[in-house]
Amino acid sequence: MVTAVTIVQILVSILLVIVVLIQGGENVDMAAAFGGSSQAAFGPRGAVSTLAKVTWVLGAIFMVTCVTLAIWATKSSSSSVLQNAPAQTQTAPAAPAKK
């Protein structure tokens, strides 16, 4: 089951990167690129595109798989790494040699 969720997470993350890179900016124009004011920052927004919806869905799936894998990782390891480490004994430093 963990393998299946991991594979889904890898596929979703690759698709998420591709979808985000395909999307264009919101009303990006040449004036905004060279320091002019752009009305896109505070102006009215248009309809939500299909790519934006896909991004939201992929992002939600990615977050769910991350949380699922994190919960399974904490439940499967009942002991800490430090608990499994061998005990170390402390020794006193050697006395300096007399001349």
PDB file of N, CA and C in Angstrom:
ATOM      1  N   MET A   1       0.822  -1.193   0.000  1.00  0.00           N
ATOM      2  CA  MET A   1       0.000   0.000   0.000  1.00  0.00           C
ATOM      3  C   MET A   1       0.867   1.259   0.000  1.00  0.00           C
ATOM      4  N   VAL A   2       1.941   1.202   0.780  1.00  0.00           N
ATOM      5  CA  VAL A   2       2.843   2.350   0.831  1.00  0.00           C
ATOM      6  C   VAL A   2       3.475   2.579  -0.539  1.00  0.00           C
ATOM      7  N   THR A   3       3.794   1.497  -1.222  1.00  0.00           N
ATOM      8  CA  THR A   3       4.385   1.616  -2.556  1.00  0.00           C
ATOM      9  C   THR A   3       3.411   2.269  -3.527  1.00  0.00           C
ATOM     10  N   ALA A   4       2.156   1.904  -3.452  1.00  0.00           N
ATOM     11  CA  ALA A   4       1.147   2.485  -4.346  1.00  0.00           C
ATOM     12  C   ALA A   4       0.982   3.977  -4.086  1.00  0.00           C
ATOM     13  N   VAL A   5       0.924   4.361  -2.828  1.00  0.00           N
ATOM     14  CA  VAL A   5       0.783   5.786  -2.498  1.00  0.00           C
ATOM     15  C   VAL A   5       2.035   6.557  -2.911  1.00  0.00           C
ATOM     16  N   THR A   6       3.198   5.944  -2.763  1.00  0.00           N
ATOM     17  CA  THR A   6       4.438   6.602  -3.183  1.00  0.00           C
ATOM     18  C   THR A   6       4.462   6.808  -4.696  1.00  0.00           C
ATOM     19  N   ILE A   7       4.023   5.806  -5.440  1.00  0.00           N
ATOM     20  CA  ILE A   7       3.979   5.940  -6.901  1.00  0.00           C
ATOM     21  C   ILE A   7       2.991   7.023  -7.308  1.00  0.00           C
ATOM     22  N   VAL A   8       1.833   7.068  -6.651  1.00  0.00           N
ATOM     23  CA  VAL A   8       0.846   8.116  -6.937  1.00  0.00           C
ATOM     24  C   VAL A   8       1.434   9.487  -6.631  1.00  0.00           C
ATOM     25  N   GLN A   9       2.154   9.602  -5.522  1.00  0.00           N
ATOM     26  CA  GLN A   9       2.740  10.890  -5.163  1.00  0.00           C
ATOM     27  C   GLN A   9       3.790  11.329  -6.182  1.00  0.00           C
ATOM     28  N   ILE A  10       4.604  10.412  -6.651  1.00  0.00           N
ATOM     29  CA  ILE A  10       5.615  10.768  -7.651  1.00  0.00           C
ATOM     30  C   ILE A  10       4.960  11.215  -8.950  1.00  0.00           C
ATOM     31  N   LEU A  11       3.954  10.473  -9.404  1.00  0.00           N
ATOM     32  CA  LEU A  11       3.262  10.849 -10.636  1.00  0.00           C
ATOM     33  C   LEU A  11       2.554  12.199 -10.499  1.00  0.00           C
ATOM     34  N   VAL A  12       1.893  12.404  -9.368  1.00  0.00           N
ATOM     35  CA  VAL A  12       1.189  13.672  -9.151  1.00  0.00           C
ATOM     36  C   VAL A  12       2.168  14.837  -9.081  1.00  0.00           C
ATOM     37  N   SER A  13       3.318  14.633  -8.457  1.00  0.00           N
ATOM     38  CA  SER A  13       4.286  15.722  -8.358  1.00  0.00           C
ATOM     39  C   SER A  13       4.846  16.079  -9.726  1.00  0.00           C
ATOM     40  N   ILE A  14       5.098  15.085 -10.568  1.00  0.00           N
ATOM     41  CA  ILE A  14       5.579  15.374 -11.924  1.00  0.00           C
ATOM     42  C   ILE A  14       4.510  16.111 -12.724  1.00  0.00           C
ATOM     43  N   LEU A  15       3.265  15.639 -12.647  1.00  0.00           N
ATOM     44  CA  LEU A  15       2.171  16.315 -13.344  1.00  0.00           C
ATOM     45  C   LEU A  15       1.952  17.732 -12.827  1.00  0.00           C
ATOM     46  N   LEU A  16       2.098  17.915 -11.529  1.00  0.00           N
ATOM     47  CA  LEU A  16       1.915  19.243 -10.940  1.00  0.00           C
ATOM     48  C   LEU A  16       2.960  20.222 -11.462  1.00  0.00           C
ATOM     49  N   VAL A  17       4.188  19.781 -11.542  1.00  0.00           N
ATOM     50  CA  VAL A  17       5.248  20.644 -12.078  1.00  0.00           C
ATOM     51  C   VAL A  17       4.962  20.988 -13.531  1.00  0.00           C
ATOM     52  N   ILE A  18       4.552  20.006 -14.316  1.00  0.00           N
ATOM     53  CA  ILE A  18       4.267  20.256 -15.732  1.00  0.00           C
ATOM     54  C   ILE A  18       3.104  21.229 -15.895  1.00  0.00           C
ATOM     55  N   VAL A  19       2.032  21.035 -15.137  1.00  0.00           N
ATOM     56  CA  VAL A  19       0.858  21.902 -15.260  1.00  0.00           C
ATOM     57  C   VAL A  19       1.187  23.327 -14.837  1.00  0.00           C
ATOM     58  N   VAL A  20       1.972  23.486 -13.788  1.00  0.00           N
ATOM     59  CA  VAL A  20       2.338  24.837 -13.340  1.00  0.00           C
ATOM     60  C   VAL A  20       3.222  25.523 -14.381  1.00  0.00           C
ATOM     61  N   LEU A  21       4.125  24.772 -14.984  1.00  0.00           N
ATOM     62  CA  LEU A  21       4.991  25.380 -15.996  1.00  0.00           C
ATOM     63  C   LEU A  21       4.241  25.717 -17.282  1.00  0.00           C
ATOM     64  N   ILE A  22       3.184  24.978 -17.599  1.00  0.00           N
ATOM     65  CA  ILE A  22       2.396  25.267 -18.798  1.00  0.00           C
ATOM     66  C   ILE A  22       1.588  26.550 -18.633  1.00  0.00           C
ATOM     67  N   GLN A  23       1.130  26.823 -17.424  1.00  0.00           N
ATOM     68  CA  GLN A  23       0.262  27.983 -17.204  1.00  0.00           C
ATOM     69  C   GLN A  23       1.011  29.275 -17.466  1.00  0.00           C
ATOM     70  N   GLY A  24       0.299  30.221 -18.031  1.00  0.00           N
ATOM     71  CA  GLY A  24       0.848  31.554 -18.221  1.00  0.00           C
ATOM     72  C   GLY A  24       0.513  32.422 -17.029  1.00  0.00           C
ATOM     73  N   GLY A  25       1.164  33.554 -16.934  1.00  0.00           N
ATOM     74  CA  GLY A  25       0.857  34.475 -15.853  1.00  0.00           C
ATOM     75  C   GLY A  25      -0.509  35.111 -16.064  1.00  0.00           C
ATOM     76  N   GLU A  26      -1.004  35.757 -15.031  1.00  0.00           N
ATOM     77  CA  GLU A  26      -2.305  36.401 -15.130  1.00  0.00           C
ATOM     78  C   GLU A  26      -2.161  37.792 -15.717  1.00  0.00           C
ATOM     79  N   ASN A  27      -2.636  37.970 -16.945  1.00  0.00           N
ATOM     80  CA  ASN A  27      -2.637  39.264 -17.631  1.00  0.00           C
ATOM     81  C   ASN A  27      -1.270  39.939 -17.611  1.00  0.00           C
ATOM     82  N   VAL A  28      -0.255  39.181 -17.898  1.00  0.00           N
ATOM     83  CA  VAL A  28       1.084  39.746 -17.923  1.00  0.00           C
ATOM     84  C   VAL A  28       1.221  40.553 -19.205  1.00  0.00           C
ATOM     85  N   ASP A  29       1.642  41.798 -19.068  1.00  0.00           N
ATOM     86  CA  ASP A  29       1.849  42.627 -20.247  1.00  0.00           C
ATOM     87  C   ASP A  29       3.238  43.255 -20.190  1.00  0.00           C
ATOM     88  N   MET A  30       3.640  43.903 -21.246  1.00  0.00           N
ATOM     89  CA  MET A  30       4.991  44.453 -21.335  1.00  0.00           C
ATOM     90  C   MET A  30       5.201  45.602 -20.349  1.00  0.00           C
ATOM     91  N   ALA A  31       4.171  46.347 -20.025  1.00  0.00           N
ATOM     92  CA  ALA A  31       4.322  47.468 -19.092  1.00  0.00           C
ATOM     93  C   ALA A  31       4.710  46.962 -17.706  1.00  0.00           C
ATOM     94  N   ALA A  32       4.121  45.866 -17.269  1.00  0.00           N
ATOM     95  CA  ALA A  32       4.437  45.315 -15.955  1.00  0.00           C
ATOM     96  C   ALA A  32       5.851  44.749 -15.935  1.00  0.00           C
ATOM     97  N   ALA A  33       6.333  44.245 -17.066  1.00  0.00           N
ATOM     98  CA  ALA A  33       7.667  43.653 -17.118  1.00  0.00           C
ATOM     99  C   ALA A  33       8.747  44.714 -16.965  1.00  0.00           C
ATOM    100  N   PHE A  34       8.488  45.939 -17.416  1.00  0.00           N
ATOM    101  CA  PHE A  34       9.498  46.996 -17.353  1.00  0.00           C
ATOM    102  C   PHE A  34       9.222  48.021 -16.261  1.00  0.00           C
ATOM    103  N   GLY A  35       8.509  47.647 -15.231  1.00  0.00           N
ATOM    104  CA  GLY A  35       8.329  48.519 -14.083  1.00  0.00           C
ATOM    105  C   GLY A  35       7.084  49.370 -14.123  1.00  0.00           C
ATOM    106  N   GLY A  36       6.289  49.257 -15.149  1.00  0.00           N
ATOM    107  CA  GLY A  36       5.044  50.017 -15.208  1.00  0.00           C
ATOM    108  C   GLY A  36       3.999  49.402 -14.314  1.00  0.00           C
ATOM    109  N   SER A  37       2.897  50.083 -14.145  1.00  0.00           N
ATOM    110  CA  SER A  37       1.851  49.530 -13.289  1.00  0.00           C
ATOM    111  C   SER A  37       0.997  48.552 -14.083  1.00  0.00           C
ATOM    112  N   SER A  38       0.654  47.484 -13.438  1.00  0.00           N
ATOM    113  CA  SER A  38      -0.205  46.487 -14.063  1.00  0.00           C
ATOM    114  C   SER A  38      -1.518  46.447 -13.300  1.00  0.00           C
ATOM    115  N   GLN A  39      -2.608  46.434 -14.019  1.00  0.00           N
ATOM    116  CA  GLN A  39      -3.924  46.399 -13.384  1.00  0.00           C
ATOM    117  C   GLN A  39      -4.330  44.976 -13.004  1.00  0.00           C
ATOM    118  N   ALA A  40      -3.480  43.991 -13.348  1.00  0.00           N
ATOM    119  CA  ALA A  40      -3.840  42.603 -13.082  1.00  0.00           C
ATOM    120  C   ALA A  40      -3.745  42.266 -11.591  1.00  0.00           C
ATOM    121  N   ALA A  41      -2.932  43.005 -10.845  1.00  0.00           N
ATOM    122  CA  ALA A  41      -2.718  42.657  -9.442  1.00  0.00           C
ATOM    123  C   ALA A  41      -3.978  42.869  -8.607  1.00  0.00           C
ATOM    124  N   PHE A  42      -4.686  43.964  -8.844  1.00  0.00           N
ATOM    125  CA  PHE A  42      -5.842  44.278  -8.008  1.00  0.00           C
ATOM    126  C   PHE A  42      -7.139  44.373  -8.799  1.00  0.00           C
ATOM    127  N   GLY A  43      -7.063  44.107 -10.072  1.00  0.00           N
ATOM    128  CA  GLY A  43      -8.247  44.213 -10.915  1.00  0.00           C
ATOM    129  C   GLY A  43      -9.132  42.990 -10.782  1.00  0.00           C
ATOM    130  N   PRO A  44     -10.255  43.011 -11.481  1.00  0.00           N
ATOM    131  CA  PRO A  44     -11.163  41.870 -11.418  1.00  0.00           C
ATOM    132  C   PRO A  44     -10.542  40.651 -12.088  1.00  0.00           C
ATOM    133  N   ARG A  45     -10.879  39.509 -11.566  1.00  0.00           N
ATOM    134  CA  ARG A  45     -10.359  38.270 -12.138  1.00  0.00           C
ATOM    135  C   ARG A  45     -11.404  37.686 -13.087  1.00  0.00           C
ATOM    136  N   GLY A  46     -10.907  37.009 -14.094  1.00  0.00           N
ATOM    137  CA  GLY A  46     -11.795  36.348 -15.038  1.00  0.00           C
ATOM    138  C   GLY A  46     -12.187  34.980 -14.519  1.00  0.00           C
ATOM    139  N   ALA A  47     -12.759  34.196 -15.396  1.00  0.00           N
ATOM    140  CA  ALA A  47     -13.165  32.846 -15.031  1.00  0.00           C
ATOM    141  C   ALA A  47     -11.928  31.988 -14.768  1.00  0.00           C
ATOM    142  N   VAL A  48     -12.079  31.021 -13.892  1.00  0.00           N
ATOM    143  CA  VAL A  48     -10.977  30.130 -13.560  1.00  0.00           C
ATOM    144  C   VAL A  48     -10.784  29.162 -14.715  1.00  0.00           C
ATOM    145  N   SER A  49      -9.536  29.064 -15.182  1.00  0.00           N
ATOM    146  CA  SER A  49      -9.255  28.200 -16.322  1.00  0.00           C
ATOM    147  C   SER A  49      -9.207  26.733 -15.901  1.00  0.00           C
ATOM    148  N   THR A  50      -9.234  25.878 -16.900  1.00  0.00           N
ATOM    149  CA  THR A  50      -9.176  24.440 -16.640  1.00  0.00           C
ATOM    150  C   THR A  50      -7.839  24.061 -16.020  1.00  0.00           C
ATOM    151  N   LEU A  51      -6.751  24.689 -16.473  1.00  0.00           N
ATOM    152  CA  LEU A  51      -5.438  24.389 -15.898  1.00  0.00           C
ATOM    153  C   LEU A  51      -5.366  24.782 -14.426  1.00  0.00           C
ATOM    154  N   ALA A  52      -6.036  25.850 -14.052  1.00  0.00           N
ATOM    155  CA  ALA A  52      -6.052  26.254 -12.640  1.00  0.00           C
ATOM    156  C   ALA A  52      -6.804  25.235 -11.797  1.00  0.00           C
ATOM    157  N   LYS A  53      -7.890  24.707 -12.325  1.00  0.00           N
ATOM    158  CA  LYS A  53      -8.649  23.679 -11.603  1.00  0.00           C
ATOM    159  C   LYS A  53      -7.824  22.401 -11.460  1.00  0.00           C
ATOM    160  N   VAL A  54      -7.134  22.033 -12.538  1.00  0.00           N
ATOM    161  CA  VAL A  54      -6.282  20.840 -12.498  1.00  0.00           C
ATOM    162  C   VAL A  54      -5.171  21.034 -11.470  1.00  0.00           C
ATOM    163  N   THR A  55      -4.618  22.250 -11.395  1.00  0.00           N
ATOM    164  CA  THR A  55      -3.566  22.541 -10.423  1.00  0.00           C
ATOM    165  C   THR A  55      -4.081  22.375  -8.998  1.00  0.00           C
ATOM    166  N   TRP A  56      -5.283  22.865  -8.735  1.00  0.00           N
ATOM    167  CA  TRP A  56      -5.865  22.727  -7.397  1.00  0.00           C
ATOM    168  C   TRP A  56      -6.078  21.261  -7.039  1.00  0.00           C
ATOM    169  N   VAL A  57      -6.583  20.482  -7.984  1.00  0.00           N
ATOM    170  CA  VAL A  57      -6.852  19.064  -7.715  1.00  0.00           C
ATOM    171  C   VAL A  57      -5.543  18.316  -7.485  1.00  0.00           C
ATOM    172  N   LEU A  58      -4.553  18.548  -8.344  1.00  0.00           N
ATOM    173  CA  LEU A  58      -3.261  17.879  -8.171  1.00  0.00           C
ATOM    174  C   LEU A  58      -2.585  18.295  -6.869  1.00  0.00           C
ATOM    175  N   GLY A  59      -2.710  19.560  -6.508  1.00  0.00           N
ATOM    176  CA  GLY A  59      -2.141  20.026  -5.242  1.00  0.00           C
ATOM    177  C   GLY A  59      -2.805  19.365  -4.046  1.00  0.00           C
ATOM    178  N   ALA A  60      -4.116  19.201  -4.113  1.00  0.00           N
ATOM    179  CA  ALA A  60      -4.829  18.546  -3.010  1.00  0.00           C
ATOM    180  C   ALA A  60      -4.429  17.075  -2.900  1.00  0.00           C
ATOM    181  N   ILE A  61      -4.317  16.391  -4.040  1.00  0.00           N
ATOM    182  CA  ILE A  61      -3.889  14.990  -4.022  1.00  0.00           C
ATOM    183  C   ILE A  61      -2.473  14.873  -3.478  1.00  0.00           C
ATOM    184  N   PHE A  62      -1.601  15.798  -3.879  1.00  0.00           N
ATOM    185  CA  PHE A  62      -0.223  15.776  -3.396  1.00  0.00           C
ATOM    186  C   PHE A  62      -0.166  15.946  -1.884  1.00  0.00           C
ATOM    187  N   MET A  63      -0.947  16.877  -1.351  1.00  0.00           N
ATOM    188  CA  MET A  63      -0.945  17.086   0.100  1.00  0.00           C
ATOM    189  C   MET A  63      -1.497  15.874   0.850  1.00  0.00           C
ATOM    190  N   VAL A  64      -2.539  15.265   0.318  1.00  0.00           N
ATOM    191  CA  VAL A  64      -3.114  14.087   0.972  1.00  0.00           C
ATOM    192  C   VAL A  64      -2.111  12.936   0.986  1.00  0.00           C
ATOM    193  N   THR A  65      -1.412  12.727  -0.129  1.00  0.00           N
ATOM    194  CA  THR A  65      -0.432  11.642  -0.154  1.00  0.00           C
ATOM    195  C   THR A  65       0.745  11.937   0.770  1.00  0.00           C
ATOM    196  N   CYS A  66       1.151  13.192   0.873  1.00  0.00           N
ATOM    197  CA  CYS A  66       2.239  13.549   1.796  1.00  0.00           C
ATOM    198  C   CYS A  66       1.853  13.260   3.246  1.00  0.00           C
ATOM    199  N   VAL A  67       0.663  13.677   3.624  1.00  0.00           N
ATOM    200  CA  VAL A  67       0.207  13.446   5.000  1.00  0.00           C
ATOM    201  C   VAL A  67       0.040  11.954   5.267  1.00  0.00           C
ATOM    202  N   THR A  68      -0.487  11.228   4.288  1.00  0.00           N
ATOM    203  CA  THR A  68      -0.674   9.786   4.452  1.00  0.00           C
ATOM    204  C   THR A  68       0.658   9.077   4.655  1.00  0.00           C
ATOM    205  N   LEU A  69       1.641   9.396   3.833  1.00  0.00           N
ATOM    206  CA  LEU A  69       2.955   8.771   3.973  1.00  0.00           C
ATOM    207  C   LEU A  69       3.630   9.158   5.284  1.00  0.00           C
ATOM    208  N   ALA A  70       3.438  10.389   5.721  1.00  0.00           N
ATOM    209  CA  ALA A  70       4.026  10.817   6.991  1.00  0.00           C
ATOM    210  C   ALA A  70       3.404  10.075   8.171  1.00  0.00           C
ATOM    211  N   ILE A  71       2.108   9.890   8.132  1.00  0.00           N
ATOM    212  CA  ILE A  71       1.431   9.161   9.220  1.00  0.00           C
ATOM    213  C   ILE A  71       1.869   7.707   9.226  1.00  0.00           C
ATOM    214  N   TRP A  72       1.938   7.090   8.057  1.00  0.00           N
ATOM    215  CA  TRP A  72       2.381   5.696   7.992  1.00  0.00           C
ATOM    216  C   TRP A  72       3.816   5.533   8.437  1.00  0.00           C
ATOM    217  N   ALA A  73       4.647   6.521   8.146  1.00  0.00           N
ATOM    218  CA  ALA A  73       6.055   6.424   8.547  1.00  0.00           C
ATOM    219  C   ALA A  73       6.196   6.494  10.062  1.00  0.00           C
ATOM    220  N   THR A  74       5.393   7.308  10.708  1.00  0.00           N
ATOM    221  CA  THR A  74       5.499   7.406  12.166  1.00  0.00           C
ATOM    222  C   THR A  74       4.881   6.193  12.853  1.00  0.00           C
ATOM    223  N   LYS A  75       3.848   5.609  12.257  1.00  0.00           N
ATOM    224  CA  LYS A  75       3.222   4.429  12.858  1.00  0.00           C
ATOM    225  C   LYS A  75       4.062   3.173  12.658  1.00  0.00           C
ATOM    226  N   SER A  76       4.752   3.083  11.531  1.00  0.00           N
ATOM    227  CA  SER A  76       5.511   1.862  11.247  1.00  0.00           C
ATOM    228  C   SER A  76       6.786   1.773  12.066  1.00  0.00           C
ATOM    229  N   SER A  77       7.352   2.922  12.414  1.00  0.00           N
ATOM    230  CA  SER A  77       8.570   2.875  13.234  1.00  0.00           C
ATOM    231  C   SER A  77       8.171   3.112  14.682  1.00  0.00           C
ATOM    232  N   SER A  78       8.022   2.024  15.414  1.00  0.00           N
ATOM    233  CA  SER A  78       7.575   2.133  16.798  1.00  0.00           C
ATOM    234  C   SER A  78       8.683   2.607  17.721  1.00  0.00           C
ATOM    235  N   SER A  79       9.922   2.459  17.281  1.00  0.00           N
ATOM    236  CA  SER A  79      11.030   2.890  18.127  1.00  0.00           C
ATOM    237  C   SER A  79      11.850   3.942  17.394  1.00  0.00           C
ATOM    238  N   SER A  80      12.543   4.722  18.154  1.00  0.00           N
ATOM    239  CA  SER A  80      13.360   5.785  17.597  1.00  0.00           C
ATOM    240  C   SER A  80      14.704   5.234  17.155  1.00  0.00           C
ATOM    241  N   VAL A  81      15.358   5.969  16.300  1.00  0.00           N
ATOM    242  CA  VAL A  81      16.697   5.585  15.859  1.00  0.00           C
ATOM    243  C   VAL A  81      17.659   5.627  17.043  1.00  0.00           C
ATOM    244  N   LEU A  82      17.466   6.577  17.920  1.00  0.00           N
ATOM    245  CA  LEU A  82      18.348   6.698  19.072  1.00  0.00           C
ATOM    246  C   LEU A  82      18.165   5.546  20.059  1.00  0.00           C
ATOM    247  N   GLN A  83      16.974   4.982  20.109  1.00  0.00           N
ATOM    248  CA  GLN A  83      16.748   3.851  21.007  1.00  0.00           C
ATOM    249  C   GLN A  83      17.457   2.602  20.510  1.00  0.00           C
ATOM    250  N   ASN A  84      17.656   2.493  19.216  1.00  0.00           N
ATOM    251  CA  ASN A  84      18.319   1.322  18.644  1.00  0.00           C
ATOM    252  C   ASN A  84      19.837   1.457  18.626  1.00  0.00           C
ATOM    253  N   ALA A  85      20.353   2.622  18.932  1.00  0.00           N
ATOM    254  CA  ALA A  85      21.800   2.838  18.902  1.00  0.00           C
ATOM    255  C   ALA A  85      22.457   2.095  20.059  1.00  0.00           C
ATOM    256  N   PRO A  86      23.658   1.577  19.831  1.00  0.00           N
ATOM    257  CA  PRO A  86      24.339   0.881  20.928  1.00  0.00           C
ATOM    258  C   PRO A  86      24.740   1.871  22.022  1.00  0.00           C
ATOM    259  N   ALA A  87      24.717   1.380  23.245  1.00  0.00           N
ATOM    260  CA  ALA A  87      25.073   2.240  24.381  1.00  0.00           C
ATOM    261  C   ALA A  87      26.571   2.514  24.352  1.00  0.00           C
ATOM    262  N   GLN A  88      26.932   3.744  24.615  1.00  0.00           N
ATOM    263  CA  GLN A  88      28.345   4.109  24.642  1.00  0.00           C
ATOM    264  C   GLN A  88      28.768   4.320  26.086  1.00  0.00           C
ATOM    265  N   THR A  89      29.919   3.829  26.392  1.00  0.00           N
ATOM    266  CA  THR A  89      30.435   4.009  27.753  1.00  0.00           C
ATOM    267  C   THR A  89      31.441   5.143  27.741  1.00  0.00           C
ATOM    268  N   GLN A  90      31.392   5.925  28.785  1.00  0.00           N
ATOM    269  CA  GLN A  90      32.339   7.031  28.898  1.00  0.00           C
ATOM    270  C   GLN A  90      33.536   6.574  29.704  1.00  0.00           C
ATOM    271  N   THR A  91      34.706   6.908  29.227  1.00  0.00           N
ATOM    272  CA  THR A  91      35.932   6.585  29.955  1.00  0.00           C
ATOM    273  C   THR A  91      36.590   7.871  30.402  1.00  0.00           C
ATOM    274  N   ALA A  92      37.277   7.789  31.498  1.00  0.00           N
ATOM    275  CA  ALA A  92      37.983   8.949  32.019  1.00  0.00           C
ATOM    276  C   ALA A  92      39.228   9.201  31.169  1.00  0.00           C
ATOM    277  N   PRO A  93      39.606  10.452  31.000  1.00  0.00           N
ATOM    278  CA  PRO A  93      40.816  10.720  30.203  1.00  0.00           C
ATOM    279  C   PRO A  93      42.054  10.158  30.923  1.00  0.00           C
ATOM    280  N   ALA A  94      43.016   9.772  30.138  1.00  0.00           N
ATOM    281  CA  ALA A  94      44.250   9.204  30.689  1.00  0.00           C
ATOM    282  C   ALA A  94      45.027  10.276  31.439  1.00  0.00           C
ATOM    283  N   ALA A  95      45.710   9.841  32.503  1.00  0.00           N
ATOM    284  CA  ALA A  95      46.521  10.778  33.287  1.00  0.00           C
ATOM    285  C   ALA A  95      47.742  11.181  32.462  1.00  0.00           C
ATOM    286  N   PRO A  96      48.168  12.429  32.579  1.00  0.00           N
ATOM    287  CA  PRO A  96      49.338  12.862  31.815  1.00  0.00           C
ATOM    288  C   PRO A  96      50.603  12.110  32.270  1.00  0.00           C
ATOM    289  N   ALA A  97      51.447  11.823  31.348  1.00  0.00           N
ATOM    290  CA  ALA A  97      52.697  11.107  31.650  1.00  0.00           C
ATOM    291  C   ALA A  97      53.651  12.035  32.363  1.00  0.00           C
ATOM    292  N   LYS A  98      54.339  11.514  33.396  1.00  0.00           N
ATOM    293  CA  LYS A  98      55.303  12.321  34.162  1.00  0.00           C
ATOM    294  C   LYS A  98      56.661  12.160  33.515  1.00  0.00           C
ATOM    295  N   LYS A  99      57.432  13.243  33.518  1.00  0.00           N
ATOM    296  CA  LYS A  99      58.776  13.204  32.943  1.00  0.00           C
ATOM    297  C   LYS A  99      59.817  13.010  33.974  1.00  0.00           C
TER     298      LYS A  99
END
